[in-house]
Amino acid sequence: MTFQWIITLEDEALYRKFISKYETDLSVKKRWERNVQRTNLVISEDIVWARVVSCLLTTQQKSGRGSRVERFIDSEPQLLSFPFCRESKSLADIATTSLKTAGLRRTDRIAIEVVHAMDVFKNNWQEFESELNKLNEHSTVGTERTAARWIQTKLNGFGPKQSRNLLQWLGLSQHEIPLDSRMIKVLKNLNFPVPLSATALADENYYCFIEDGLQEILAHVGVIPCIFDACAFASFERD
């Protein structure tokens, strides 16, 4: 069985209009510098750890401008410090207390995931670093998708969306982007032809099917997916 995406001129015009509205936003320019030009890209335990924990915090709770998650991350808590967490004797308790004090949700679950992530860093950092460096050297749809799937097998709490969120946050991806509730709203407004739901997107195969379609559309428009994602984010922050 095969499936063919047919992109019309009307589709292209709709996407171009949306992108032109937000492409001058500062956040979009920063995405270009970080993910396309890869300015100041560094892969280290400290940086990757902070991004891993930040990704876990954004699951199933608001994380946009002014949210409790954003305020917590911006405060640079000890939970984002790899040396501090590595030396902590009761990391789960520290994480739970820190998150509850910040008024965040899923505190017990996130604490368990943080502890598991630390085990991965302690025992498999060299393998983790090697997988990330592969993207730094050669970033394509295929290599990014492979890396996202690898992350899902190593880190608890990382599904299709968060694995891509991590890669994008690190500046290592251009083609595979996070598909979350905000992106679902944007795509529906742009008349994306396939039904979308957060529940369905938890399945890796369905997620990749939707990514394939979006990448096909953006290829016609001539826009890198990570820049479209930045425009989508900017639309919510501005509007």
C-alpha atoms as a PDB file:
ATOM      1  CA  MET A   1       0.000   0.000   0.000  1.00  0.00           C
ATOM      2  CA  THR A   2       1.299   3.469  -0.887  1.00  0.00           C
ATOM      3  CA  PHE A   3       0.215   6.973   0.057  1.00  0.00           C
ATOM      4  CA  GLN A   4       0.811  10.068  -2.040  1.00  0.00           C
ATOM      5  CA  TRP A   5       0.846  13.625  -0.750  1.00  0.00           C
ATOM      6  CA  ILE A   6      -0.525  16.018  -3.365  1.00  0.00           C
ATOM      7  CA  ILE A   7       0.420  19.630  -2.618  1.00  0.00           C
ATOM      8  CA  THR A   8      -1.666  22.254  -4.414  1.00  0.00           C
ATOM      9  CA  LEU A   9      -0.742  25.853  -5.179  1.00  0.00           C
ATOM     10  CA  GLU A  10      -3.410  26.897  -2.676  1.00  0.00           C
ATOM     11  CA  ASP A  11      -1.687  24.810   0.010  1.00  0.00           C
ATOM     12  CA  GLU A  12       1.658  26.423  -0.738  1.00  0.00           C
ATOM     13  CA  ALA A  13       0.174  29.922  -0.653  1.00  0.00           C
ATOM     14  CA  LEU A  14      -1.471  29.301   2.728  1.00  0.00           C
ATOM     15  CA  TYR A  15       1.779  28.093   4.306  1.00  0.00           C
ATOM     16  CA  ARG A  16       3.824  30.892   2.750  1.00  0.00           C
ATOM     17  CA  LYS A  17       1.410  33.486   4.103  1.00  0.00           C
ATOM     18  CA  PHE A  18       1.656  32.028   7.602  1.00  0.00           C
ATOM     19  CA  ILE A  19       5.449  31.845   7.530  1.00  0.00           C
ATOM     20  CA  SER A  20       5.861  35.382   6.156  1.00  0.00           C
ATOM     21  CA  LYS A  21       3.829  36.716   9.080  1.00  0.00           C
ATOM     22  CA  TYR A  22       6.259  35.403  11.716  1.00  0.00           C
ATOM     23  CA  GLU A  23       9.621  34.810  10.028  1.00  0.00           C
ATOM     24  CA  THR A  24      11.046  38.126  11.261  1.00  0.00           C
ATOM     25  CA  ASP A  25      10.377  37.327  14.923  1.00  0.00           C
ATOM     26  CA  LEU A  26      13.459  37.224  17.140  1.00  0.00           C
ATOM     27  CA  SER A  27      12.726  33.648  18.196  1.00  0.00           C
ATOM     28  CA  VAL A  28      12.727  32.559  14.543  1.00  0.00           C
ATOM     29  CA  LYS A  29      16.047  34.305  13.924  1.00  0.00           C
ATOM     30  CA  LYS A  30      17.505  32.609  16.985  1.00  0.00           C
ATOM     31  CA  ARG A  31      16.281  29.218  15.710  1.00  0.00           C
ATOM     32  CA  TRP A  32      18.058  29.884  12.403  1.00  0.00           C
ATOM     33  CA  GLU A  33      21.293  30.706  14.200  1.00  0.00           C
ATOM     34  CA  ARG A  34      21.099  27.713  16.537  1.00  0.00           C
ATOM     35  CA  ASN A  35      19.728  24.934  14.319  1.00  0.00           C
ATOM     36  CA  VAL A  36      20.697  25.951  10.789  1.00  0.00           C
ATOM     37  CA  GLN A  37      23.901  27.930  11.208  1.00  0.00           C
ATOM     38  CA  ARG A  38      24.615  26.024  14.439  1.00  0.00           C
ATOM     39  CA  THR A  39      26.271  28.982  16.095  1.00  0.00           C
ATOM     40  CA  ASN A  40      27.933  28.129  19.431  1.00  0.00           C
ATOM     41  CA  LEU A  41      26.699  24.523  19.350  1.00  0.00           C
ATOM     42  CA  VAL A  42      28.187  22.576  22.263  1.00  0.00           C
ATOM     43  CA  ILE A  43      27.478  18.990  23.308  1.00  0.00           C
ATOM     44  CA  SER A  44      28.411  18.408  26.935  1.00  0.00           C
ATOM     45  CA  GLU A  45      26.988  16.540  29.906  1.00  0.00           C
ATOM     46  CA  ASP A  46      25.994  19.812  31.582  1.00  0.00           C
ATOM     47  CA  ILE A  47      24.100  21.197  28.586  1.00  0.00           C
ATOM     48  CA  VAL A  48      22.438  17.949  27.535  1.00  0.00           C
ATOM     49  CA  TRP A  49      21.380  17.196  31.122  1.00  0.00           C
ATOM     50  CA  ALA A  50      19.718  20.592  31.496  1.00  0.00           C
ATOM     51  CA  ARG A  51      17.829  20.037  28.235  1.00  0.00           C
ATOM     52  CA  VAL A  52      16.782  16.505  29.173  1.00  0.00           C
ATOM     53  CA  VAL A  53      15.304  17.667  32.477  1.00  0.00           C
ATOM     54  CA  SER A  54      13.668  20.670  30.800  1.00  0.00           C
ATOM     55  CA  CYS A  55      12.004  18.375  28.255  1.00  0.00           C
ATOM     56  CA  LEU A  56      10.612  16.185  31.039  1.00  0.00           C
ATOM     57  CA  LEU A  57       9.167  19.287  32.691  1.00  0.00           C
ATOM     58  CA  THR A  58       7.257  20.335  29.575  1.00  0.00           C
ATOM     59  CA  THR A  59       5.313  17.077  29.210  1.00  0.00           C
ATOM     60  CA  GLN A  60       1.547  17.477  29.748  1.00  0.00           C
ATOM     61  CA  GLN A  61       1.751  20.972  31.217  1.00  0.00           C
ATOM     62  CA  LYS A  62       1.933  24.509  29.894  1.00  0.00           C
ATOM     63  CA  SER A  63       5.447  25.657  29.097  1.00  0.00           C
ATOM     64  CA  GLY A  64       5.003  28.847  27.069  1.00  0.00           C
ATOM     65  CA  ARG A  65       5.797  32.418  27.994  1.00  0.00           C
ATOM     66  CA  GLY A  66       4.960  33.228  31.610  1.00  0.00           C
ATOM     67  CA  SER A  67       4.214  29.616  32.548  1.00  0.00           C
ATOM     68  CA  ARG A  68       5.407  28.025  35.768  1.00  0.00           C
ATOM     69  CA  VAL A  69       7.634  25.701  33.760  1.00  0.00           C
ATOM     70  CA  GLU A  70       9.317  28.622  32.001  1.00  0.00           C
ATOM     71  CA  ARG A  71       9.826  30.497  35.277  1.00  0.00           C
ATOM     72  CA  PHE A  72      11.282  27.376  36.895  1.00  0.00           C
ATOM     73  CA  ILE A  73      13.734  26.754  34.047  1.00  0.00           C
ATOM     74  CA  ASP A  74      14.745  30.419  33.872  1.00  0.00           C
ATOM     75  CA  SER A  75      15.551  30.387  37.585  1.00  0.00           C
ATOM     76  CA  GLU A  76      18.327  27.857  36.829  1.00  0.00           C
ATOM     77  CA  PRO A  77      17.436  25.471  39.670  1.00  0.00           C
ATOM     78  CA  GLN A  78      19.875  22.889  40.997  1.00  0.00           C
ATOM     79  CA  LEU A  79      17.817  20.207  39.264  1.00  0.00           C
ATOM     80  CA  LEU A  80      19.236  21.447  35.943  1.00  0.00           C
ATOM     81  CA  SER A  81      22.813  21.189  37.227  1.00  0.00           C
ATOM     82  CA  PHE A  82      24.436  17.921  36.185  1.00  0.00           C
ATOM     83  CA  PRO A  83      27.236  18.035  38.835  1.00  0.00           C
ATOM     84  CA  PHE A  84      24.708  18.707  41.604  1.00  0.00           C
ATOM     85  CA  CYS A  85      22.347  15.930  40.512  1.00  0.00           C
ATOM     86  CA  ARG A  86      25.198  13.477  39.919  1.00  0.00           C
ATOM     87  CA  GLU A  87      26.426  13.897  43.501  1.00  0.00           C
ATOM     88  CA  SER A  88      22.969  13.936  45.114  1.00  0.00           C
ATOM     89  CA  LYS A  89      22.279  10.985  47.403  1.00  0.00           C
ATOM     90  CA  SER A  90      18.483  11.329  47.226  1.00  0.00           C
ATOM     91  CA  LEU A  91      17.838  12.782  43.774  1.00  0.00           C
ATOM     92  CA  ALA A  92      14.225  11.618  43.623  1.00  0.00           C
ATOM     93  CA  ASP A  93      13.331  13.413  46.874  1.00  0.00           C
ATOM     94  CA  ILE A  94      15.177  16.555  45.824  1.00  0.00           C
ATOM     95  CA  ALA A  95      13.422  16.585  42.453  1.00  0.00           C
ATOM     96  CA  THR A  96       9.986  16.008  43.962  1.00  0.00           C
ATOM     97  CA  THR A  97      10.416  18.780  46.539  1.00  0.00           C
ATOM     98  CA  SER A  98      11.810  21.219  43.979  1.00  0.00           C
ATOM     99  CA  LEU A  99       8.996  20.629  41.501  1.00  0.00           C
ATOM    100  CA  LYS A 100       6.233  20.780  44.096  1.00  0.00           C
ATOM    101  CA  THR A 101       7.622  24.058  45.448  1.00  0.00           C
ATOM    102  CA  ALA A 102       7.485  25.460  41.901  1.00  0.00           C
ATOM    103  CA  GLY A 103       3.847  24.402  41.613  1.00  0.00           C
ATOM    104  CA  LEU A 104       4.441  21.975  38.766  1.00  0.00           C
ATOM    105  CA  ARG A 105       2.405  18.881  37.906  1.00  0.00           C
ATOM    106  CA  ARG A 106       3.432  15.208  37.609  1.00  0.00           C
ATOM    107  CA  THR A 107       6.112  15.741  40.247  1.00  0.00           C
ATOM    108  CA  ASP A 108       6.485  12.127  41.378  1.00  0.00           C
ATOM    109  CA  ARG A 109       6.538  10.824  37.816  1.00  0.00           C
ATOM    110  CA  ILE A 110       9.106  13.386  36.668  1.00  0.00           C
ATOM    111  CA  ALA A 111      11.295  12.622  39.685  1.00  0.00           C
ATOM    112  CA  ILE A 112      11.402   8.936  38.690  1.00  0.00           C
ATOM    113  CA  GLU A 113      12.275   9.883  35.108  1.00  0.00           C
ATOM    114  CA  VAL A 114      15.032  12.234  36.285  1.00  0.00           C
ATOM    115  CA  VAL A 115      16.613   9.469  38.365  1.00  0.00           C
ATOM    116  CA  HIS A 116      16.500   7.099  35.395  1.00  0.00           C
ATOM    117  CA  ALA A 117      18.077   9.750  33.164  1.00  0.00           C
ATOM    118  CA  MET A 118      20.924  10.173  35.648  1.00  0.00           C
ATOM    119  CA  ASP A 119      21.573   6.423  35.512  1.00  0.00           C
ATOM    120  CA  VAL A 120      21.826   6.704  31.720  1.00  0.00           C
ATOM    121  CA  PHE A 121      24.256   9.609  31.969  1.00  0.00           C
ATOM    122  CA  LYS A 122      26.431   7.855  34.533  1.00  0.00           C
ATOM    123  CA  ASN A 123      26.593   4.558  32.650  1.00  0.00           C
ATOM    124  CA  ASN A 124      26.171   5.465  28.976  1.00  0.00           C
ATOM    125  CA  TRP A 125      27.247   9.074  28.448  1.00  0.00           C
ATOM    126  CA  GLN A 126      29.902   8.192  25.864  1.00  0.00           C
ATOM    127  CA  GLU A 127      27.322   6.318  23.774  1.00  0.00           C
ATOM    128  CA  PHE A 128      24.868   9.214  24.195  1.00  0.00           C
ATOM    129  CA  GLU A 129      27.506  11.751  23.170  1.00  0.00           C
ATOM    130  CA  SER A 130      28.462   9.647  20.148  1.00  0.00           C
ATOM    131  CA  GLU A 131      24.855   9.495  18.900  1.00  0.00           C
ATOM    132  CA  LEU A 132      24.458  13.267  19.236  1.00  0.00           C
ATOM    133  CA  ASN A 133      27.758  13.963  17.498  1.00  0.00           C
ATOM    134  CA  LYS A 134      26.574  11.951  14.506  1.00  0.00           C
ATOM    135  CA  LEU A 135      23.891  14.591  13.946  1.00  0.00           C
ATOM    136  CA  ASN A 136      26.372  17.399  14.350  1.00  0.00           C
ATOM    137  CA  GLU A 137      28.422  15.848  11.547  1.00  0.00           C
ATOM    138  CA  HIS A 138      25.599  14.735   9.220  1.00  0.00           C
ATOM    139  CA  SER A 139      22.026  15.924   9.776  1.00  0.00           C
ATOM    140  CA  THR A 140      19.313  14.542   7.475  1.00  0.00           C
ATOM    141  CA  VAL A 141      15.738  13.389   7.933  1.00  0.00           C
ATOM    142  CA  GLY A 142      17.049   9.844   8.256  1.00  0.00           C
ATOM    143  CA  THR A 143      19.795  10.523  10.792  1.00  0.00           C
ATOM    144  CA  GLU A 144      17.539  12.768  12.879  1.00  0.00           C
ATOM    145  CA  ARG A 145      14.746  10.189  12.917  1.00  0.00           C
ATOM    146  CA  THR A 146      17.175   7.453  13.895  1.00  0.00           C
ATOM    147  CA  ALA A 147      18.521   9.593  16.741  1.00  0.00           C
ATOM    148  CA  ALA A 148      15.009  10.385  17.967  1.00  0.00           C
ATOM    149  CA  ARG A 149      14.123   6.703  18.071  1.00  0.00           C
ATOM    150  CA  TRP A 150      17.370   5.917  19.872  1.00  0.00           C
ATOM    151  CA  ILE A 151      16.594   8.505  22.558  1.00  0.00           C
ATOM    152  CA  GLN A 152      13.178   6.933  23.103  1.00  0.00           C
ATOM    153  CA  THR A 153      14.820   3.590  23.856  1.00  0.00           C
ATOM    154  CA  LYS A 154      17.220   5.135  26.384  1.00  0.00           C
ATOM    155  CA  LEU A 155      15.269   7.751  28.332  1.00  0.00           C
ATOM    156  CA  ASN A 156      12.020   7.167  30.216  1.00  0.00           C
ATOM    157  CA  GLY A 157       9.389   9.812  29.521  1.00  0.00           C
ATOM    158  CA  PHE A 158      10.639  10.485  25.990  1.00  0.00           C
ATOM    159  CA  GLY A 159       8.220   9.630  23.210  1.00  0.00           C
ATOM    160  CA  PRO A 160       8.191  10.809  19.581  1.00  0.00           C
ATOM    161  CA  LYS A 161       7.552  14.449  20.470  1.00  0.00           C
ATOM    162  CA  GLN A 162       9.976  14.887  23.374  1.00  0.00           C
ATOM    163  CA  SER A 163      12.833  13.069  21.649  1.00  0.00           C
ATOM    164  CA  ARG A 164      12.582  15.562  18.801  1.00  0.00           C
ATOM    165  CA  ASN A 165      12.114  18.406  21.249  1.00  0.00           C
ATOM    166  CA  LEU A 166      15.434  17.474  22.858  1.00  0.00           C
ATOM    167  CA  LEU A 167      17.301  17.359  19.539  1.00  0.00           C
ATOM    168  CA  GLN A 168      15.846  20.668  18.432  1.00  0.00           C
ATOM    169  CA  TRP A 169      16.577  22.339  21.780  1.00  0.00           C
ATOM    170  CA  LEU A 170      20.204  21.216  21.477  1.00  0.00           C
ATOM    171  CA  GLY A 171      20.437  22.707  17.978  1.00  0.00           C
ATOM    172  CA  LEU A 172      21.020  19.292  16.372  1.00  0.00           C
ATOM    173  CA  SER A 173      17.904  18.945  14.196  1.00  0.00           C
ATOM    174  CA  GLN A 174      16.461  20.793  11.222  1.00  0.00           C
ATOM    175  CA  HIS A 175      13.971  18.364   9.680  1.00  0.00           C
ATOM    176  CA  GLU A 176      12.323  16.380  12.493  1.00  0.00           C
ATOM    177  CA  ILE A 177      10.275  18.716  14.701  1.00  0.00           C
ATOM    178  CA  PRO A 178       8.116  18.338  17.835  1.00  0.00           C
ATOM    179  CA  LEU A 179       4.423  17.887  17.074  1.00  0.00           C
ATOM    180  CA  ASP A 180       2.531  19.080  20.145  1.00  0.00           C
ATOM    181  CA  SER A 181      -0.872  20.617  20.872  1.00  0.00           C
ATOM    182  CA  ARG A 182       0.244  24.009  19.566  1.00  0.00           C
ATOM    183  CA  MET A 183       1.465  22.556  16.287  1.00  0.00           C
ATOM    184  CA  ILE A 184      -1.770  20.585  15.954  1.00  0.00           C
ATOM    185  CA  LYS A 185      -3.755  23.849  16.173  1.00  0.00           C
ATOM    186  CA  VAL A 186      -1.520  25.524  13.591  1.00  0.00           C
ATOM    187  CA  LEU A 187      -1.781  22.620  11.145  1.00  0.00           C
ATOM    188  CA  LYS A 188      -5.556  22.446  11.518  1.00  0.00           C
ATOM    189  CA  ASN A 189      -5.761  26.174  10.753  1.00  0.00           C
ATOM    190  CA  LEU A 190      -3.644  25.532   7.658  1.00  0.00           C
ATOM    191  CA  ASN A 191      -6.064  22.809   6.516  1.00  0.00           C
ATOM    192  CA  PHE A 192      -3.672  19.905   7.019  1.00  0.00           C
ATOM    193  CA  PRO A 193      -5.506  17.021   5.294  1.00  0.00           C
ATOM    194  CA  VAL A 194      -5.082  14.313   7.956  1.00  0.00           C
ATOM    195  CA  PRO A 195      -6.878  14.169  11.347  1.00  0.00           C
ATOM    196  CA  LEU A 196      -4.555  15.118  14.193  1.00  0.00           C
ATOM    197  CA  SER A 197      -4.627  14.316  17.886  1.00  0.00           C
ATOM    198  CA  ALA A 198      -2.065  14.228  20.662  1.00  0.00           C
ATOM    199  CA  THR A 199      -3.123  10.657  21.496  1.00  0.00           C
ATOM    200  CA  ALA A 200      -2.519   9.378  17.956  1.00  0.00           C
ATOM    201  CA  LEU A 201       0.823  11.190  17.744  1.00  0.00           C
ATOM    202  CA  ALA A 202       2.107   9.146  20.689  1.00  0.00           C
ATOM    203  CA  ASP A 203       2.495   6.308  18.182  1.00  0.00           C
ATOM    204  CA  GLU A 204       5.876   6.527  16.452  1.00  0.00           C
ATOM    205  CA  ASN A 205       4.657   5.249  13.075  1.00  0.00           C
ATOM    206  CA  TYR A 206       1.730   7.683  12.915  1.00  0.00           C
ATOM    207  CA  TYR A 207       3.994  10.482  14.108  1.00  0.00           C
ATOM    208  CA  CYS A 208       6.458   9.807  11.270  1.00  0.00           C
ATOM    209  CA  PHE A 209       3.587   9.636   8.768  1.00  0.00           C
ATOM    210  CA  ILE A 210       2.479  13.143   9.753  1.00  0.00           C
ATOM    211  CA  GLU A 211       6.071  14.403   9.751  1.00  0.00           C
ATOM    212  CA  ASP A 212       6.508  13.019   6.228  1.00  0.00           C
ATOM    213  CA  GLY A 213       3.483  14.954   5.013  1.00  0.00           C
ATOM    214  CA  LEU A 214       4.535  18.191   6.684  1.00  0.00           C
ATOM    215  CA  GLN A 215       8.079  17.862   5.357  1.00  0.00           C
ATOM    216  CA  GLU A 216       6.662  17.326   1.863  1.00  0.00           C
ATOM    217  CA  ILE A 217       4.612  20.513   2.096  1.00  0.00           C
ATOM    218  CA  LEU A 218       7.508  22.560   3.448  1.00  0.00           C
ATOM    219  CA  ALA A 219       9.818  21.254   0.732  1.00  0.00           C
ATOM    220  CA  HIS A 220       7.417  22.706  -1.833  1.00  0.00           C
ATOM    221  CA  VAL A 221       7.345  25.987   0.070  1.00  0.00           C
ATOM    222  CA  GLY A 222      11.134  26.037   0.448  1.00  0.00           C
ATOM    223  CA  VAL A 223      11.207  26.314   4.239  1.00  0.00           C
ATOM    224  CA  ILE A 224      13.244  24.201   6.657  1.00  0.00           C
ATOM    225  CA  PRO A 225      10.887  22.432   9.117  1.00  0.00           C
ATOM    226  CA  CYS A 226      12.633  23.757  12.246  1.00  0.00           C
ATOM    227  CA  ILE A 227      12.022  27.316  10.982  1.00  0.00           C
ATOM    228  CA  PHE A 228       8.345  26.543  10.395  1.00  0.00           C
ATOM    229  CA  ASP A 229       8.213  25.199  13.950  1.00  0.00           C
ATOM    230  CA  ALA A 230       9.718  28.459  15.225  1.00  0.00           C
ATOM    231  CA  CYS A 231       7.079  30.418  13.296  1.00  0.00           C
ATOM    232  CA  ALA A 232       4.359  28.253  14.860  1.00  0.00           C
ATOM    233  CA  PHE A 233       5.787  28.931  18.327  1.00  0.00           C
ATOM    234  CA  ALA A 234       6.017  32.665  17.560  1.00  0.00           C
ATOM    235  CA  SER A 235       2.364  32.715  16.472  1.00  0.00           C
ATOM    236  CA  PHE A 236       1.268  31.641  19.952  1.00  0.00           C
ATOM    237  CA  GLU A 237       3.673  33.922  21.781  1.00  0.00           C
ATOM    238  CA  ARG A 238       2.644  36.958  19.718  1.00  0.00           C
ATOM    239  CA  ASP A 239      -1.081  36.326  19.190  1.00  0.00           C
END
